Protein backbone atom coordinates (compact mmCIF):
# COMPACT_ATOMS: atom_id res chain seq x y z
CA MET A 1 4.20 11.18 17.73
CA ILE A 2 4.47 11.68 14.56
CA SER A 3 1.26 10.32 11.92
CA ILE A 4 2.08 9.69 7.84
CA ILE A 5 -0.84 9.13 6.48
CA LEU A 6 -0.33 7.07 3.49
CA ASP A 7 -2.48 7.94 0.79
CA THR A 8 -3.13 5.32 -2.77
CA ASN A 9 -0.57 7.08 -4.89
CA LEU A 10 1.91 5.68 -2.57
CA LEU A 11 0.98 2.61 -2.50
CA TYR A 12 -0.67 1.69 -5.81
CA SER A 13 1.39 -0.74 -7.37
CA LYS A 14 1.17 -2.11 -10.94
CA SER A 15 2.29 -5.43 -9.85
CA ASN A 16 0.47 -8.59 -11.89
CA ASN A 17 0.31 -10.67 -8.66
CA TYR A 18 -3.21 -10.93 -8.00
CA THR A 19 -3.47 -13.48 -4.79
CA ILE A 20 -2.35 -10.97 -2.19
CA ALA A 21 -2.90 -7.76 -1.29
CA ARG A 22 -0.21 -5.83 -3.83
CA PHE A 23 0.00 -2.14 -1.69
CA THR A 24 1.60 -4.83 1.37
CA GLU A 25 4.84 -5.03 0.27
CA LYS A 26 4.84 -0.68 -0.52
CA LEU A 27 3.51 -0.69 2.73
CA GLU A 28 6.42 -3.27 4.12
CA ASP A 29 9.46 -1.21 2.45
CA VAL A 30 8.34 2.51 4.17
CA ILE A 31 8.13 0.67 7.71
CA GLU A 32 11.95 -0.76 6.40
CA GLN A 33 12.71 2.76 6.33
CA LEU A 34 11.41 3.79 9.51
CA GLU A 35 12.94 1.36 11.28
CA VAL A 36 16.70 1.37 9.25
CA ASN A 37 16.25 5.13 10.37
CA ASP A 38 15.43 4.46 13.97
CA PHE A 39 12.27 6.19 13.66
CA TYR A 40 9.68 2.71 14.46
CA ASP A 41 8.80 4.37 17.61
CA LYS A 42 8.52 7.85 16.74
CA VAL A 43 6.02 7.12 13.46
CA LYS A 44 2.81 6.47 13.49
CA VAL A 45 1.52 4.60 9.89
CA VAL A 46 -1.90 5.77 9.05
CA ILE A 47 -3.49 4.44 6.18
CA PRO A 48 -7.47 5.43 6.11
CA GLN A 49 -10.18 2.65 5.21
CA ILE A 50 -11.20 4.31 1.84
CA VAL A 51 -7.76 3.46 0.74
CA VAL A 52 -7.59 0.23 0.82
CA ASN A 53 -10.92 0.59 -0.53
CA GLU A 54 -9.87 1.79 -2.86
CA LEU A 55 -6.31 0.09 -3.88
CA LEU A 56 -8.30 -2.94 -3.46
CA LYS A 57 -10.98 -1.51 -6.06
CA GLN A 58 -8.24 -1.00 -8.46
CA GLN A 59 -6.43 -4.90 -7.80
CA ILE A 60 -9.86 -5.71 -9.07
CA ASP A 61 -9.89 -3.82 -11.85
CA ASP A 62 -6.68 -4.63 -12.71
CA GLY A 63 -7.37 -8.29 -12.27
CA TYR A 64 -10.39 -7.90 -14.86
CA ALA A 65 -8.73 -5.76 -17.48
CA ALA A 66 -6.25 -8.13 -17.72
CA ILE A 67 -8.00 -11.26 -18.32
CA LYS A 68 -9.93 -9.44 -21.26
CA LEU A 69 -6.77 -9.09 -23.86
């Protein structure tokens, strides 16, 4: 099995929707591509906890910046 380790640069989203974890949309796109290309059973997607923490912090910071505008 092949592991793909996703990082912040790939998952970061500049969406203005602050009600959800925005990086999930890009994660769904990656998974969809694996399914379309029939790699779903051959590839494991890994997201380190530090990446999730950084993405959530960026989303919070973006939300504060939007409020200040």
